[in-house]
Amino acid sequence: PAQIDRLIRECIVQSRPVYLQVPADMITEPVPAAA
């Protein structure tokens, strides 16, 4: 979650593209909804 948040911030604040890899076995991994 922190990695995702950082990427979105850098994308918008710097107004340039960012790159995110999501391994196939990470797609359904649980993360805290509270985030």
PDB file of all heavy atoms in Angstrom:
ATOM      1  N   PRO A   1       0.811  -1.233   0.000  1.00  0.00           N
ATOM      2  CA  PRO A   1       0.000   0.000   0.000  1.00  0.00           C
ATOM      3  C   PRO A   1       0.838   1.273   0.000  1.00  0.00           C
ATOM      4  O   PRO A   1       0.521   2.229  -0.729  1.00  0.00           O
ATOM      5  CB  PRO A   1      -0.835  -0.136   1.275  1.00  0.00           C
ATOM      6  CG  PRO A   1      -0.959  -1.615   1.488  1.00  0.00           C
ATOM      7  CD  PRO A   1       0.372  -2.163   1.076  1.00  0.00           C
ATOM      8  N   ALA A   2       1.902   1.286   0.780  1.00  0.00           N
ATOM      9  CA  ALA A   2       2.763   2.470   0.820  1.00  0.00           C
ATOM     10  C   ALA A   2       3.471   2.668  -0.521  1.00  0.00           C
ATOM     11  O   ALA A   2       3.670   3.802  -0.971  1.00  0.00           O
ATOM     12  CB  ALA A   2       3.781   2.353   1.946  1.00  0.00           C
ATOM     13  N   GLN A   3       3.849   1.563  -1.164  1.00  0.00           N
ATOM     14  CA  GLN A   3       4.486   1.664  -2.474  1.00  0.00           C
ATOM     15  C   GLN A   3       3.523   2.261  -3.503  1.00  0.00           C
ATOM     16  O   GLN A   3       3.906   3.120  -4.310  1.00  0.00           O
ATOM     17  CB  GLN A   3       4.940   0.278  -2.939  1.00  0.00           C
ATOM     18  CG  GLN A   3       6.101  -0.316  -2.163  1.00  0.00           C
ATOM     19  CD  GLN A   3       6.407  -1.733  -2.625  1.00  0.00           C
ATOM     20  OE1 GLN A   3       5.728  -2.690  -2.234  1.00  0.00           O
ATOM     21  NE2 GLN A   3       7.404  -1.873  -3.474  1.00  0.00           N
ATOM     22  N   ILE A   4       2.289   1.810  -3.481  1.00  0.00           N
ATOM     23  CA  ILE A   4       1.280   2.330  -4.408  1.00  0.00           C
ATOM     24  C   ILE A   4       1.051   3.815  -4.166  1.00  0.00           C
ATOM     25  O   ILE A   4       1.021   4.625  -5.103  1.00  0.00           O
ATOM     26  CB  ILE A   4      -0.034   1.543  -4.253  1.00  0.00           C
ATOM     27  CG1 ILE A   4       0.135   0.117  -4.782  1.00  0.00           C
ATOM     28  CG2 ILE A   4      -1.186   2.253  -4.964  1.00  0.00           C
ATOM     29  CD1 ILE A   4      -1.005  -0.814  -4.424  1.00  0.00           C
ATOM     30  N   ASP A   5       0.898   4.189  -2.910  1.00  0.00           N
ATOM     31  CA  ASP A   5       0.657   5.593  -2.575  1.00  0.00           C
ATOM     32  C   ASP A   5       1.817   6.472  -3.034  1.00  0.00           C
ATOM     33  O   ASP A   5       1.614   7.583  -3.539  1.00  0.00           O
ATOM     34  CB  ASP A   5       0.439   5.752  -1.074  1.00  0.00           C
ATOM     35  CG  ASP A   5      -0.876   5.146  -0.606  1.00  0.00           C
ATOM     36  OD1 ASP A   5      -1.625   4.628  -1.453  1.00  0.00           O
ATOM     37  OD2 ASP A   5      -1.150   5.194   0.614  1.00  0.00           O
ATOM     38  N   ARG A   6       3.049   5.970  -2.852  1.00  0.00           N
ATOM     39  CA  ARG A   6       4.219   6.749  -3.260  1.00  0.00           C
ATOM     40  C   ARG A   6       4.235   6.958  -4.773  1.00  0.00           C
ATOM     41  O   ARG A   6       4.499   8.072  -5.258  1.00  0.00           O
ATOM     42  CB  ARG A   6       5.504   6.034  -2.831  1.00  0.00           C
ATOM     43  CG  ARG A   6       6.773   6.834  -3.135  1.00  0.00           C
ATOM     44  CD  ARG A   6       8.028   6.068  -2.786  1.00  0.00           C
ATOM     45  NE  ARG A   6       8.453   5.196  -3.867  1.00  0.00           N
ATOM     46  CZ  ARG A   6       9.232   5.576  -4.889  1.00  0.00           C
ATOM     47  NH1 ARG A   6       9.647   6.841  -4.972  1.00  0.00           N
ATOM     48  NH2 ARG A   6       9.596   4.723  -5.819  1.00  0.00           N
ATOM     49  N   LEU A   7       3.947   5.903  -5.513  1.00  0.00           N
ATOM     50  CA  LEU A   7       3.963   6.021  -6.967  1.00  0.00           C
ATOM     51  C   LEU A   7       2.935   7.023  -7.469  1.00  0.00           C
ATOM     52  O   LEU A   7       3.216   7.848  -8.347  1.00  0.00           O
ATOM     53  CB  LEU A   7       3.690   4.665  -7.612  1.00  0.00           C
ATOM     54  CG  LEU A   7       4.860   3.748  -7.926  1.00  0.00           C
ATOM     55  CD1 LEU A   7       4.418   2.660  -8.884  1.00  0.00           C
ATOM     56  CD2 LEU A   7       6.037   4.499  -8.518  1.00  0.00           C
ATOM     57  N   ILE A   8       1.725   6.943  -6.930  1.00  0.00           N
ATOM     58  CA  ILE A   8       0.678   7.867  -7.368  1.00  0.00           C
ATOM     59  C   ILE A   8       1.084   9.302  -7.067  1.00  0.00           C
ATOM     60  O   ILE A   8       0.896  10.205  -7.893  1.00  0.00           O
ATOM     61  CB  ILE A   8      -0.666   7.514  -6.696  1.00  0.00           C
ATOM     62  CG1 ILE A   8      -1.157   6.141  -7.180  1.00  0.00           C
ATOM     63  CG2 ILE A   8      -1.718   8.585  -6.989  1.00  0.00           C
ATOM     64  CD1 ILE A   8      -2.382   5.633  -6.448  1.00  0.00           C
ATOM     65  N   ARG A   9       1.647   9.520  -5.899  1.00  0.00           N
ATOM     66  CA  ARG A   9       2.091  10.868  -5.540  1.00  0.00           C
ATOM     67  C   ARG A   9       3.177  11.368  -6.505  1.00  0.00           C
ATOM     68  O   ARG A   9       3.092  12.497  -7.018  1.00  0.00           O
ATOM     69  CB  ARG A   9       2.618  10.898  -4.106  1.00  0.00           C
ATOM     70  CG  ARG A   9       3.247  12.241  -3.744  1.00  0.00           C
ATOM     71  CD  ARG A   9       3.730  12.323  -2.304  1.00  0.00           C
ATOM     72  NE  ARG A   9       4.527  13.525  -2.114  1.00  0.00           N
ATOM     73  CZ  ARG A   9       4.018  14.754  -1.991  1.00  0.00           C
ATOM     74  NH1 ARG A   9       2.711  14.924  -2.040  1.00  0.00           N
ATOM     75  NH2 ARG A   9       4.805  15.792  -1.827  1.00  0.00           N
ATOM     76  N   GLU A  10       4.187  10.543  -6.756  1.00  0.00           N
ATOM     77  CA  GLU A  10       5.272  10.972  -7.634  1.00  0.00           C
ATOM     78  C   GLU A  10       4.766  11.242  -9.041  1.00  0.00           C
ATOM     79  O   GLU A  10       5.207  12.185  -9.709  1.00  0.00           O
ATOM     80  CB  GLU A  10       6.386   9.917  -7.666  1.00  0.00           C
ATOM     81  CG  GLU A  10       7.121   9.735  -6.349  1.00  0.00           C
ATOM     82  CD  GLU A  10       7.719  11.031  -5.840  1.00  0.00           C
ATOM     83  OE1 GLU A  10       8.356  11.758  -6.644  1.00  0.00           O
ATOM     84  OE2 GLU A  10       7.555  11.348  -4.648  1.00  0.00           O
ATOM     85  N   CYS A  11       3.843  10.424  -9.512  1.00  0.00           N
ATOM     86  CA  CYS A  11       3.268  10.601 -10.844  1.00  0.00           C
ATOM     87  C   CYS A  11       2.616  11.968 -10.974  1.00  0.00           C
ATOM     88  O   CYS A  11       2.851  12.709 -11.939  1.00  0.00           O
ATOM     89  CB  CYS A  11       2.252   9.486 -11.107  1.00  0.00           C
ATOM     90  SG  CYS A  11       1.454   9.542 -12.723  1.00  0.00           S
ATOM     91  N   ILE A  12       1.803  12.331 -10.006  1.00  0.00           N
ATOM     92  CA  ILE A  12       1.047  13.579 -10.070  1.00  0.00           C
ATOM     93  C   ILE A  12       1.916  14.785  -9.747  1.00  0.00           C
ATOM     94  O   ILE A  12       1.892  15.801 -10.464  1.00  0.00           O
ATOM     95  CB  ILE A  12      -0.173  13.502  -9.135  1.00  0.00           C
ATOM     96  CG1 ILE A  12      -1.181  12.473  -9.680  1.00  0.00           C
ATOM     97  CG2 ILE A  12      -0.834  14.870  -8.981  1.00  0.00           C
ATOM     98  CD1 ILE A  12      -2.371  12.238  -8.786  1.00  0.00           C
ATOM     99  N   VAL A  13       2.698  14.703  -8.696  1.00  0.00           N
ATOM    100  CA  VAL A  13       3.500  15.862  -8.275  1.00  0.00           C
ATOM    101  C   VAL A  13       4.579  16.184  -9.297  1.00  0.00           C
ATOM    102  O   VAL A  13       4.828  17.349  -9.621  1.00  0.00           O
ATOM    103  CB  VAL A  13       4.114  15.614  -6.878  1.00  0.00           C
ATOM    104  CG1 VAL A  13       5.127  16.700  -6.536  1.00  0.00           C
ATOM    105  CG2 VAL A  13       3.010  15.583  -5.826  1.00  0.00           C
ATOM    106  N   GLN A  14       5.232  15.143  -9.850  1.00  0.00           N
ATOM    107  CA  GLN A  14       6.290  15.394 -10.828  1.00  0.00           C
ATOM    108  C   GLN A  14       5.764  15.512 -12.253  1.00  0.00           C
ATOM    109  O   GLN A  14       6.500  15.886 -13.160  1.00  0.00           O
ATOM    110  CB  GLN A  14       7.341  14.287 -10.769  1.00  0.00           C
ATOM    111  CG  GLN A  14       8.116  14.236  -9.468  1.00  0.00           C
ATOM    112  CD  GLN A  14       9.401  13.451  -9.603  1.00  0.00           C
ATOM    113  OE1 GLN A  14      10.194  13.672 -10.517  1.00  0.00           O
ATOM    114  NE2 GLN A  14       9.626  12.516  -8.689  1.00  0.00           N
ATOM    115  N   SER A  15       4.497  15.156 -12.458  1.00  0.00           N
ATOM    116  CA  SER A  15       3.877  15.198 -13.784  1.00  0.00           C
ATOM    117  C   SER A  15       4.709  14.422 -14.801  1.00  0.00           C
ATOM    118  O   SER A  15       5.032  14.902 -15.896  1.00  0.00           O
ATOM    119  CB  SER A  15       3.688  16.643 -14.269  1.00  0.00           C
ATOM    120  OG  SER A  15       2.862  16.667 -15.426  1.00  0.00           O
ATOM    121  N   ARG A  16       4.996  13.192 -14.421  1.00  0.00           N
ATOM    122  CA  ARG A  16       5.738  12.297 -15.316  1.00  0.00           C
ATOM    123  C   ARG A  16       5.313  10.865 -15.046  1.00  0.00           C
ATOM    124  O   ARG A  16       4.730  10.553 -14.000  1.00  0.00           O
ATOM    125  CB  ARG A  16       7.249  12.460 -15.119  1.00  0.00           C
ATOM    126  CG  ARG A  16       7.835  13.619 -15.936  1.00  0.00           C
ATOM    127  CD  ARG A  16       9.318  13.446 -16.139  1.00  0.00           C
ATOM    128  NE  ARG A  16       9.798  14.210 -17.285  1.00  0.00           N
ATOM    129  CZ  ARG A  16      10.492  15.337 -17.202  1.00  0.00           C
ATOM    130  NH1 ARG A  16      10.767  15.852 -16.025  1.00  0.00           N
ATOM    131  NH2 ARG A  16      10.914  15.939 -18.287  1.00  0.00           N
ATOM    132  N   PRO A  17       5.612   9.948 -15.972  1.00  0.00           N
ATOM    133  CA  PRO A  17       5.139   8.572 -15.810  1.00  0.00           C
ATOM    134  C   PRO A  17       5.873   7.809 -14.709  1.00  0.00           C
ATOM    135  O   PRO A  17       7.035   8.112 -14.390  1.00  0.00           O
ATOM    136  CB  PRO A  17       5.406   7.940 -17.181  1.00  0.00           C
ATOM    137  CG  PRO A  17       6.480   8.777 -17.790  1.00  0.00           C
ATOM    138  CD  PRO A  17       6.270  10.163 -17.272  1.00  0.00           C
ATOM    139  N   VAL A  18       5.178   6.820 -14.156  1.00  0.00           N
ATOM    140  CA  VAL A  18       5.739   5.905 -13.172  1.00  0.00           C
ATOM    141  C   VAL A  18       5.420   4.478 -13.604  1.00  0.00           C
ATOM    142  O   VAL A  18       4.557   4.243 -14.452  1.00  0.00           O
ATOM    143  CB  VAL A  18       5.192   6.180 -11.754  1.00  0.00           C
ATOM    144  CG1 VAL A  18       5.601   7.568 -11.269  1.00  0.00           C
ATOM    145  CG2 VAL A  18       3.669   6.023 -11.709  1.00  0.00           C
ATOM    146  N   TYR A  19       6.099   3.516 -12.978  1.00  0.00           N
ATOM    147  CA  TYR A  19       6.054   2.121 -13.439  1.00  0.00           C
ATOM    148  C   TYR A  19       5.794   1.201 -12.255  1.00  0.00           C
ATOM    149  O   TYR A  19       6.497   1.263 -11.248  1.00  0.00           O
ATOM    150  CB  TYR A  19       7.403   1.808 -14.082  1.00  0.00           C
ATOM    151  CG  TYR A  19       7.653   0.389 -14.531  1.00  0.00           C
ATOM    152  CD1 TYR A  19       7.137  -0.078 -15.732  1.00  0.00           C
ATOM    153  CD2 TYR A  19       8.466  -0.454 -13.782  1.00  0.00           C
ATOM    154  CE1 TYR A  19       7.419  -1.368 -16.171  1.00  0.00           C
ATOM    155  CE2 TYR A  19       8.753  -1.744 -14.215  1.00  0.00           C
ATOM    156  CZ  TYR A  19       8.234  -2.199 -15.410  1.00  0.00           C
ATOM    157  OH  TYR A  19       8.513  -3.475 -15.849  1.00  0.00           O
ATOM    158  N   LEU A  20       4.768   0.358 -12.389  1.00  0.00           N
ATOM    159  CA  LEU A  20       4.361  -0.519 -11.280  1.00  0.00           C
ATOM    160  C   LEU A  20       4.231  -1.949 -11.772  1.00  0.00           C
ATOM    161  O   LEU A  20       3.479  -2.239 -12.705  1.00  0.00           O
ATOM    162  CB  LEU A  20       3.017  -0.054 -10.710  1.00  0.00           C
ATOM    163  CG  LEU A  20       2.435  -0.905  -9.576  1.00  0.00           C
ATOM    164  CD1 LEU A  20       3.325  -0.833  -8.336  1.00  0.00           C
ATOM    165  CD2 LEU A  20       1.021  -0.455  -9.236  1.00  0.00           C
ATOM    166  N   GLN A  21       4.963  -2.867 -11.115  1.00  0.00           N
ATOM    167  CA  GLN A  21       4.869  -4.291 -11.411  1.00  0.00           C
ATOM    168  C   GLN A  21       3.989  -4.978 -10.364  1.00  0.00           C
ATOM    169  O   GLN A  21       4.179  -4.775  -9.155  1.00  0.00           O
ATOM    170  CB  GLN A  21       6.248  -4.939 -11.396  1.00  0.00           C
ATOM    171  CG  GLN A  21       7.170  -4.484 -12.518  1.00  0.00           C
ATOM    172  CD  GLN A  21       8.555  -5.050 -12.333  1.00  0.00           C
ATOM    173  OE1 GLN A  21       9.283  -4.665 -11.416  1.00  0.00           O
ATOM    174  NE2 GLN A  21       8.935  -5.975 -13.203  1.00  0.00           N
ATOM    175  N   VAL A  22       3.069  -5.799 -10.841  1.00  0.00           N
ATOM    176  CA  VAL A  22       2.197  -6.567  -9.954  1.00  0.00           C
ATOM    177  C   VAL A  22       2.320  -8.053 -10.326  1.00  0.00           C
ATOM    178  O   VAL A  22       1.747  -8.491 -11.327  1.00  0.00           O
ATOM    179  CB  VAL A  22       0.728  -6.121 -10.069  1.00  0.00           C
ATOM    180  CG1 VAL A  22      -0.120  -6.862  -9.038  1.00  0.00           C
ATOM    181  CG2 VAL A  22       0.597  -4.612  -9.877  1.00  0.00           C
ATOM    182  N   PRO A  23       3.079  -8.840  -9.563  1.00  0.00           N
ATOM    183  CA  PRO A  23       3.171 -10.274  -9.842  1.00  0.00           C
ATOM    184  C   PRO A  23       1.801 -10.939  -9.762  1.00  0.00           C
ATOM    185  O   PRO A  23       0.942 -10.549  -8.961  1.00  0.00           O
ATOM    186  CB  PRO A  23       4.110 -10.781  -8.742  1.00  0.00           C
ATOM    187  CG  PRO A  23       4.922  -9.586  -8.350  1.00  0.00           C
ATOM    188  CD  PRO A  23       3.978  -8.427  -8.473  1.00  0.00           C
ATOM    189  N   ALA A  24       1.605 -11.961 -10.591  1.00  0.00           N
ATOM    190  CA  ALA A  24       0.299 -12.604 -10.699  1.00  0.00           C
ATOM    191  C   ALA A  24      -0.195 -13.165  -9.373  1.00  0.00           C
ATOM    192  O   ALA A  24      -1.398 -13.180  -9.103  1.00  0.00           O
ATOM    193  CB  ALA A  24       0.353 -13.700 -11.756  1.00  0.00           C
ATOM    194  N   ASP A  25       0.725 -13.632  -8.518  1.00  0.00           N
ATOM    195  CA  ASP A  25       0.295 -14.205  -7.242  1.00  0.00           C
ATOM    196  C   ASP A  25       0.123 -13.152  -6.151  1.00  0.00           C
ATOM    197  O   ASP A  25      -0.211 -13.490  -5.014  1.00  0.00           O
ATOM    198  CB  ASP A  25       1.277 -15.281  -6.765  1.00  0.00           C
ATOM    199  CG  ASP A  25       2.692 -14.753  -6.588  1.00  0.00           C
ATOM    200  OD1 ASP A  25       3.108 -13.885  -7.379  1.00  0.00           O
ATOM    201  OD2 ASP A  25       3.390 -15.199  -5.662  1.00  0.00           O
ATOM    202  N   MET A  26       0.322 -11.859  -6.510  1.00  0.00           N
ATOM    203  CA  MET A  26       0.100 -10.782  -5.541  1.00  0.00           C
ATOM    204  C   MET A  26      -1.267 -10.127  -5.711  1.00  0.00           C
ATOM    205  O   MET A  26      -1.715  -9.355  -4.865  1.00  0.00           O
ATOM    206  CB  MET A  26       1.185  -9.704  -5.678  1.00  0.00           C
ATOM    207  CG  MET A  26       2.535 -10.092  -5.100  1.00  0.00           C
ATOM    208  SD  MET A  26       2.499 -10.226  -3.297  1.00  0.00           S
ATOM    209  CE  MET A  26       2.288  -8.510  -2.842  1.00  0.00           C
ATOM    210  N   ILE A  27      -1.941 -10.434  -6.786  1.00  0.00           N
ATOM    211  CA  ILE A  27      -3.189  -9.736  -7.130  1.00  0.00           C
ATOM    212  C   ILE A  27      -4.235  -9.861  -6.030  1.00  0.00           C
ATOM    213  O   ILE A  27      -4.930  -8.889  -5.689  1.00  0.00           O
ATOM    214  CB  ILE A  27      -3.733 -10.259  -8.469  1.00  0.00           C
ATOM    215  CG1 ILE A  27      -2.808  -9.798  -9.604  1.00  0.00           C
ATOM    216  CG2 ILE A  27      -5.159  -9.777  -8.719  1.00  0.00           C
ATOM    217  CD1 ILE A  27      -3.114 -10.419 -10.950  1.00  0.00           C
ATOM    218  N   THR A  28      -4.365 -11.040  -5.453  1.00  0.00           N
ATOM    219  CA  THR A  28      -5.397 -11.265  -4.433  1.00  0.00           C
ATOM    220  C   THR A  28      -4.827 -11.292  -3.017  1.00  0.00           C
ATOM    221  O   THR A  28      -5.532 -11.669  -2.077  1.00  0.00           O
ATOM    222  CB  THR A  28      -6.136 -12.585  -4.695  1.00  0.00           C
ATOM    223  OG1 THR A  28      -5.188 -13.664  -4.694  1.00  0.00           O
ATOM    224  CG2 THR A  28      -6.851 -12.543  -6.042  1.00  0.00           C
ATOM    225  N   GLU A  29      -3.594 -10.889  -2.846  1.00  0.00           N
ATOM    226  CA  GLU A  29      -3.016 -10.846  -1.497  1.00  0.00           C
ATOM    227  C   GLU A  29      -3.787  -9.846  -0.631  1.00  0.00           C
ATOM    228  O   GLU A  29      -4.119  -8.744  -1.092  1.00  0.00           O
ATOM    229  CB  GLU A  29      -1.544 -10.449  -1.552  1.00  0.00           C
ATOM    230  CG  GLU A  29      -0.596 -11.567  -1.935  1.00  0.00           C
ATOM    231  CD  GLU A  29      -0.520 -12.632  -0.863  1.00  0.00           C
ATOM    232  OE1 GLU A  29       0.008 -12.363   0.230  1.00  0.00           O
ATOM    233  OE2 GLU A  29      -1.027 -13.750  -1.111  1.00  0.00           O
ATOM    234  N   PRO A  30      -4.077 -10.191   0.630  1.00  0.00           N
ATOM    235  CA  PRO A  30      -4.829  -9.268   1.489  1.00  0.00           C
ATOM    236  C   PRO A  30      -3.952  -8.134   2.007  1.00  0.00           C
ATOM    237  O   PRO A  30      -2.778  -8.338   2.332  1.00  0.00           O
ATOM    238  CB  PRO A  30      -5.300 -10.168   2.639  1.00  0.00           C
ATOM    239  CG  PRO A  30      -4.286 -11.269   2.693  1.00  0.00           C
ATOM    240  CD  PRO A  30      -3.830 -11.496   1.287  1.00  0.00           C
ATOM    241  N   VAL A  31      -4.538  -6.946   2.053  1.00  0.00           N
ATOM    242  CA  VAL A  31      -3.897  -5.783   2.658  1.00  0.00           C
ATOM    243  C   VAL A  31      -4.925  -5.124   3.570  1.00  0.00           C
ATOM    244  O   VAL A  31      -6.130  -5.296   3.386  1.00  0.00           O
ATOM    245  CB  VAL A  31      -3.392  -4.770   1.601  1.00  0.00           C
ATOM    246  CG1 VAL A  31      -2.362  -5.410   0.692  1.00  0.00           C
ATOM    247  CG2 VAL A  31      -4.549  -4.215   0.792  1.00  0.00           C
ATOM    248  N   PRO A  32      -4.499  -4.372   4.571  1.00  0.00           N
ATOM    249  CA  PRO A  32      -5.453  -3.755   5.510  1.00  0.00           C
ATOM    250  C   PRO A  32      -6.396  -2.774   4.802  1.00  0.00           C
ATOM    251  O   PRO A  32      -5.944  -1.841   4.134  1.00  0.00           O
ATOM    252  CB  PRO A  32      -4.554  -3.031   6.512  1.00  0.00           C
ATOM    253  CG  PRO A  32      -3.215  -3.682   6.380  1.00  0.00           C
ATOM    254  CD  PRO A  32      -3.100  -4.104   4.958  1.00  0.00           C
ATOM    255  N   ALA A  33      -7.669  -2.991   4.938  1.00  0.00           N
ATOM    256  CA  ALA A  33      -8.651  -2.078   4.351  1.00  0.00           C
ATOM    257  C   ALA A  33      -8.570  -0.695   4.978  1.00  0.00           C
ATOM    258  O   ALA A  33      -8.897   0.315   4.343  1.00  0.00           O
ATOM    259  CB  ALA A  33     -10.052  -2.650   4.513  1.00  0.00           C
ATOM    260  N   ALA A  34      -8.120  -0.647   6.218  1.00  0.00           N
ATOM    261  CA  ALA A  34      -8.035   0.637   6.921  1.00  0.00           C
ATOM    262  C   ALA A  34      -7.086   1.608   6.233  1.00  0.00           C
ATOM    263  O   ALA A  34      -7.194   2.824   6.412  1.00  0.00           O
ATOM    264  CB  ALA A  34      -7.600   0.405   8.362  1.00  0.00           C
ATOM    265  N   ALA A  35      -6.164   1.063   5.426  1.00  0.00           N
ATOM    266  CA  ALA A  35      -5.218   1.943   4.745  1.00  0.00           C
ATOM    267  C   ALA A  35      -5.924   2.899   3.792  1.00  0.00           C
ATOM    268  O   ALA A  35      -5.426   3.996   3.499  1.00  0.00           O
ATOM    269  CB  ALA A  35      -4.190   1.108   3.985  1.00  0.00           C
TER     270      ALA A  35
END
